[in-house]
């Protein structure tokens, strides 16, 4: 599970805001996925519409917001890629060089 901590708690109990949380979480997940790939692992990112249940299910603090579920593991020997996933747009349709 990936959680984002939008604020921290000071010793006096007050809150302080963390900056660039979505960007930092995105970079961290990207590095994690790259490391998993390098280690020969596979993953499936999942972002259910409502993830509020994850805090209670994982016994995680309510001040941290669930961002995604990221199961990681080894690919089954008989695993296949669906044909529709192999359909890719031509590079000129997705890339503009200025």
N, C-alpha and C. Protein backbone atom coordinates (compact mmCIF):
# COMPACT_ATOMS: atom_id res chain seq x y z
N UNK A 1 0.84 -1.16 0.00
CA UNK A 1 0.00 0.00 0.00
C UNK A 1 0.89 1.23 0.00
N UNK A 2 0.48 2.23 -0.73
CA UNK A 2 1.21 3.49 -0.76
C UNK A 2 0.33 4.54 -0.10
N UNK A 3 0.89 5.20 0.90
CA UNK A 3 0.17 6.25 1.62
C UNK A 3 0.93 7.56 1.48
N UNK A 4 0.21 8.68 1.51
CA UNK A 4 0.81 10.01 1.45
C UNK A 4 0.57 10.72 2.77
N UNK A 5 1.62 11.27 3.32
CA UNK A 5 1.51 12.01 4.58
C UNK A 5 1.48 13.50 4.25
N UNK A 6 0.31 14.10 4.31
CA UNK A 6 0.15 15.50 3.90
C UNK A 6 0.61 16.48 4.97
N UNK A 7 0.68 16.04 6.21
CA UNK A 7 1.16 16.93 7.27
C UNK A 7 1.86 16.11 8.34
N UNK A 8 2.73 16.77 9.09
CA UNK A 8 3.42 16.14 10.20
C UNK A 8 2.93 16.73 11.50
N UNK A 9 3.36 16.15 12.59
CA UNK A 9 2.99 16.64 13.92
C UNK A 9 4.24 17.13 14.64
N UNK A 10 4.16 18.35 15.14
CA UNK A 10 5.26 18.94 15.91
C UNK A 10 5.23 18.37 17.34
N UNK A 11 6.34 18.49 18.07
CA UNK A 11 6.37 17.99 19.45
C UNK A 11 5.25 18.56 20.34
N UNK A 12 4.81 19.79 20.04
CA UNK A 12 3.74 20.39 20.84
C UNK A 12 2.34 19.93 20.39
N UNK A 13 2.29 19.04 19.39
CA UNK A 13 1.01 18.53 18.91
C UNK A 13 0.44 19.29 17.74
N UNK A 14 1.06 20.42 17.39
CA UNK A 14 0.59 21.20 16.25
C UNK A 14 0.93 20.53 14.93
N UNK A 15 0.24 20.93 13.89
CA UNK A 15 0.48 20.37 12.56
C UNK A 15 1.38 21.27 11.76
N UNK A 16 2.16 20.66 10.86
CA UNK A 16 2.90 21.42 9.86
C UNK A 16 2.73 20.72 8.52
N UNK A 17 2.57 21.52 7.47
CA UNK A 17 2.26 21.00 6.15
C UNK A 17 3.51 20.47 5.46
N UNK A 18 3.38 19.31 4.80
CA UNK A 18 4.44 18.81 3.94
C UNK A 18 4.19 19.34 2.53
N UNK A 19 5.23 19.82 1.89
CA UNK A 19 5.11 20.39 0.55
C UNK A 19 5.36 19.33 -0.52
N UNK A 20 4.76 19.51 -1.67
CA UNK A 20 4.97 18.67 -2.86
C UNK A 20 4.69 17.18 -2.60
N UNK A 21 3.66 16.90 -1.85
CA UNK A 21 3.35 15.51 -1.50
C UNK A 21 3.03 14.67 -2.74
N UNK A 22 2.10 15.08 -3.62
CA UNK A 22 1.80 14.23 -4.78
C UNK A 22 3.03 14.00 -5.66
N UNK A 23 3.84 15.03 -5.84
CA UNK A 23 5.04 14.89 -6.67
C UNK A 23 6.04 13.93 -6.01
N UNK A 24 6.23 14.08 -4.71
CA UNK A 24 7.18 13.22 -4.00
C UNK A 24 6.72 11.76 -4.00
N UNK A 25 5.44 11.53 -3.78
CA UNK A 25 4.91 10.17 -3.78
C UNK A 25 5.05 9.57 -5.18
N UNK A 26 4.75 10.36 -6.21
CA UNK A 26 4.88 9.88 -7.58
C UNK A 26 6.30 9.49 -7.92
N UNK A 27 7.26 10.32 -7.53
CA UNK A 27 8.67 10.01 -7.78
C UNK A 27 9.07 8.75 -7.01
N UNK A 28 8.67 8.66 -5.76
CA UNK A 28 9.02 7.49 -4.94
C UNK A 28 8.45 6.20 -5.53
N UNK A 29 7.20 6.25 -5.99
CA UNK A 29 6.59 5.06 -6.59
C UNK A 29 7.30 4.71 -7.90
N UNK A 30 7.67 5.72 -8.67
CA UNK A 30 8.41 5.47 -9.91
C UNK A 30 9.74 4.78 -9.64
N UNK A 31 10.46 5.23 -8.61
CA UNK A 31 11.74 4.61 -8.25
C UNK A 31 11.50 3.18 -7.77
N UNK A 32 10.46 2.97 -6.98
CA UNK A 32 10.13 1.63 -6.49
C UNK A 32 9.81 0.69 -7.66
N UNK A 33 9.01 1.16 -8.60
CA UNK A 33 8.66 0.34 -9.77
C UNK A 33 9.90 0.03 -10.60
N UNK A 34 10.79 1.02 -10.79
CA UNK A 34 12.02 0.79 -11.54
C UNK A 34 12.90 -0.24 -10.83
N UNK A 35 12.98 -0.16 -9.51
CA UNK A 35 13.78 -1.12 -8.75
C UNK A 35 13.17 -2.52 -8.83
N UNK A 36 11.85 -2.61 -8.75
CA UNK A 36 11.18 -3.90 -8.86
C UNK A 36 11.44 -4.51 -10.24
N UNK A 37 11.33 -3.69 -11.28
CA UNK A 37 11.60 -4.16 -12.64
C UNK A 37 13.03 -4.67 -12.76
N UNK A 38 13.96 -3.91 -12.23
CA UNK A 38 15.39 -4.27 -12.28
C UNK A 38 15.64 -5.59 -11.54
N UNK A 39 14.84 -5.84 -10.48
CA UNK A 39 14.98 -7.07 -9.70
C UNK A 39 14.25 -8.25 -10.33
N UNK A 40 13.62 -8.03 -11.49
CA UNK A 40 12.90 -9.10 -12.17
C UNK A 40 11.51 -9.34 -11.63
N UNK A 41 10.97 -8.36 -10.93
CA UNK A 41 9.62 -8.49 -10.37
C UNK A 41 8.61 -7.77 -11.26
N UNK A 42 7.36 -8.06 -11.03
CA UNK A 42 6.26 -7.40 -11.75
C UNK A 42 5.32 -6.78 -10.73
N UNK A 43 4.46 -5.89 -11.17
CA UNK A 43 3.56 -5.18 -10.29
C UNK A 43 2.29 -4.85 -11.04
N UNK A 44 1.30 -4.46 -10.28
CA UNK A 44 0.03 -4.02 -10.87
C UNK A 44 -0.50 -2.90 -10.00
N UNK A 45 -0.36 -1.66 -10.48
CA UNK A 45 -0.87 -0.55 -9.69
C UNK A 45 -2.39 -0.53 -9.77
N UNK A 46 -3.01 -0.29 -8.63
CA UNK A 46 -4.47 -0.29 -8.54
C UNK A 46 -4.90 0.90 -7.69
N UNK A 47 -5.81 1.70 -8.24
CA UNK A 47 -6.30 2.87 -7.51
C UNK A 47 -7.82 2.80 -7.44
N UNK A 48 -8.37 2.06 -6.48
CA UNK A 48 -9.83 1.99 -6.37
C UNK A 48 -10.43 3.36 -6.14
N UNK A 49 -11.68 3.52 -6.52
CA UNK A 49 -12.35 4.81 -6.43
C UNK A 49 -12.33 5.35 -5.00
N UNK A 50 -12.63 4.54 -4.04
CA UNK A 50 -12.56 4.96 -2.65
C UNK A 50 -11.55 4.06 -1.94
N UNK A 51 -10.55 4.69 -1.34
CA UNK A 51 -9.52 3.91 -0.66
C UNK A 51 -9.50 4.15 0.84
N UNK A 52 -10.54 4.82 1.34
CA UNK A 52 -10.59 5.15 2.77
C UNK A 52 -10.52 3.90 3.65
N UNK A 53 -11.00 2.76 3.15
CA UNK A 53 -11.01 1.53 3.93
C UNK A 53 -9.60 1.04 4.24
N UNK A 54 -8.60 1.47 3.46
CA UNK A 54 -7.25 0.96 3.64
C UNK A 54 -6.62 1.35 4.98
N UNK A 55 -6.95 2.55 5.48
CA UNK A 55 -6.38 2.95 6.77
C UNK A 55 -6.77 1.97 7.87
N UNK A 56 -8.04 1.63 7.93
CA UNK A 56 -8.50 0.69 8.96
C UNK A 56 -7.98 -0.71 8.68
N UNK A 57 -8.02 -1.15 7.43
CA UNK A 57 -7.59 -2.50 7.08
C UNK A 57 -6.11 -2.71 7.38
N UNK A 58 -5.30 -1.67 7.16
CA UNK A 58 -3.85 -1.78 7.39
C UNK A 58 -3.44 -1.28 8.77
N UNK A 59 -4.43 -0.83 9.55
CA UNK A 59 -4.14 -0.24 10.88
C UNK A 59 -3.12 0.89 10.73
N UNK A 60 -3.40 1.76 9.77
CA UNK A 60 -2.52 2.87 9.43
C UNK A 60 -3.11 4.17 9.94
N UNK A 61 -2.30 5.15 10.34
CA UNK A 61 -2.83 6.41 10.89
C UNK A 61 -3.78 7.13 9.93
N UNK A 62 -4.82 7.70 10.48
CA UNK A 62 -5.82 8.41 9.66
C UNK A 62 -5.23 9.65 9.00
N UNK A 63 -4.14 10.20 9.55
CA UNK A 63 -3.54 11.41 8.96
C UNK A 63 -2.82 11.13 7.64
N UNK A 64 -2.64 9.84 7.31
CA UNK A 64 -2.00 9.48 6.06
C UNK A 64 -3.05 8.99 5.08
N UNK A 65 -2.98 9.51 3.87
CA UNK A 65 -4.00 9.24 2.85
C UNK A 65 -3.55 8.14 1.90
N UNK A 66 -4.37 7.09 1.71
CA UNK A 66 -3.99 6.05 0.76
C UNK A 66 -3.97 6.59 -0.67
N UNK A 67 -2.95 6.21 -1.41
CA UNK A 67 -2.78 6.68 -2.78
C UNK A 67 -3.01 5.55 -3.78
N UNK A 68 -2.42 4.38 -3.51
CA UNK A 68 -2.59 3.26 -4.42
C UNK A 68 -2.22 1.95 -3.74
N UNK A 69 -2.71 0.89 -4.34
CA UNK A 69 -2.33 -0.46 -3.95
C UNK A 69 -1.33 -0.91 -5.00
N UNK A 70 -0.19 -1.41 -4.57
CA UNK A 70 0.87 -1.79 -5.50
C UNK A 70 1.40 -3.18 -5.16
N UNK A 71 0.64 -4.22 -5.54
CA UNK A 71 1.16 -5.57 -5.29
C UNK A 71 2.36 -5.84 -6.19
N UNK A 72 3.39 -6.44 -5.61
CA UNK A 72 4.63 -6.74 -6.33
C UNK A 72 4.95 -8.22 -6.13
N UNK A 73 5.40 -8.88 -7.18
CA UNK A 73 5.74 -10.29 -7.04
C UNK A 73 6.44 -10.83 -8.28
N UNK A 74 6.55 -12.11 -8.33
CA UNK A 74 7.18 -12.78 -9.48
C UNK A 74 6.10 -13.15 -10.50
N UNK A 75 6.45 -13.08 -11.76
CA UNK A 75 5.53 -13.40 -12.85
C UNK A 75 5.35 -14.91 -12.92
N UNK A 76 4.11 -15.35 -13.03
CA UNK A 76 3.83 -16.78 -13.18
C UNK A 76 4.36 -17.25 -14.53
N UNK A 77 4.86 -18.47 -14.58
CA UNK A 77 5.43 -19.02 -15.81
C UNK A 77 4.41 -19.04 -16.95
N UNK A 78 3.14 -19.27 -16.64
CA UNK A 78 2.10 -19.36 -17.67
C UNK A 78 1.41 -18.02 -17.94
N UNK A 79 1.91 -16.93 -17.37
CA UNK A 79 1.28 -15.62 -17.56
C UNK A 79 1.38 -15.18 -19.02
N UNK A 80 0.34 -14.51 -19.50
CA UNK A 80 0.32 -13.98 -20.86
C UNK A 80 -0.13 -12.53 -20.82
N UNK A 81 0.17 -11.80 -21.88
CA UNK A 81 -0.26 -10.42 -22.02
C UNK A 81 -1.46 -10.40 -22.95
N UNK A 82 -2.57 -9.78 -22.55
CA UNK A 82 -3.74 -9.72 -23.43
C UNK A 82 -3.41 -9.03 -24.76
N UNK A 83 -3.99 -9.50 -25.84
CA UNK A 83 -3.71 -8.95 -27.16
C UNK A 83 -3.98 -7.45 -27.22
N UNK A 84 -5.04 -6.99 -26.56
CA UNK A 84 -5.39 -5.57 -26.61
C UNK A 84 -4.29 -4.71 -25.97
N UNK A 85 -3.55 -5.25 -25.00
CA UNK A 85 -2.48 -4.50 -24.36
C UNK A 85 -1.28 -4.34 -25.28
N UNK A 86 -1.21 -5.12 -26.33
CA UNK A 86 -0.09 -5.06 -27.27
C UNK A 86 -0.31 -4.04 -28.38
N UNK A 87 -1.52 -3.47 -28.44
CA UNK A 87 -1.83 -2.48 -29.47
C UNK A 87 -1.26 -1.14 -29.01
N UNK A 88 -0.32 -0.61 -29.74
CA UNK A 88 0.35 0.64 -29.38
C UNK A 88 0.15 1.66 -30.49
N UNK A 89 0.03 2.92 -30.09
CA UNK A 89 -0.06 4.00 -31.08
C UNK A 89 1.31 4.23 -31.69
N UNK A 90 1.34 4.70 -32.95
CA UNK A 90 2.62 5.06 -33.56
C UNK A 90 3.25 6.23 -32.80
N UNK A 91 4.56 6.24 -32.72
CA UNK A 91 5.27 7.27 -31.97
C UNK A 91 4.85 8.71 -32.33
N UNK A 92 4.67 9.06 -33.60
CA UNK A 92 4.27 10.43 -33.92
C UNK A 92 2.92 10.85 -33.31
N UNK A 93 2.08 9.87 -32.96
CA UNK A 93 0.79 10.20 -32.36
C UNK A 93 0.91 10.54 -30.86
N UNK A 94 2.01 10.16 -30.24
CA UNK A 94 2.15 10.39 -28.80
C UNK A 94 3.37 11.26 -28.45
N UNK A 95 4.15 11.66 -29.44
CA UNK A 95 5.36 12.44 -29.18
C UNK A 95 5.44 13.62 -30.12
N UNK A 96 5.68 14.78 -29.56
CA UNK A 96 5.96 15.98 -30.35
C UNK A 96 7.32 16.51 -29.95
N UNK A 97 8.20 16.68 -30.92
CA UNK A 97 9.52 17.22 -30.65
C UNK A 97 9.52 18.68 -31.10
N UNK A 98 9.80 19.56 -30.17
CA UNK A 98 9.80 21.01 -30.48
C UNK A 98 11.21 21.53 -30.54
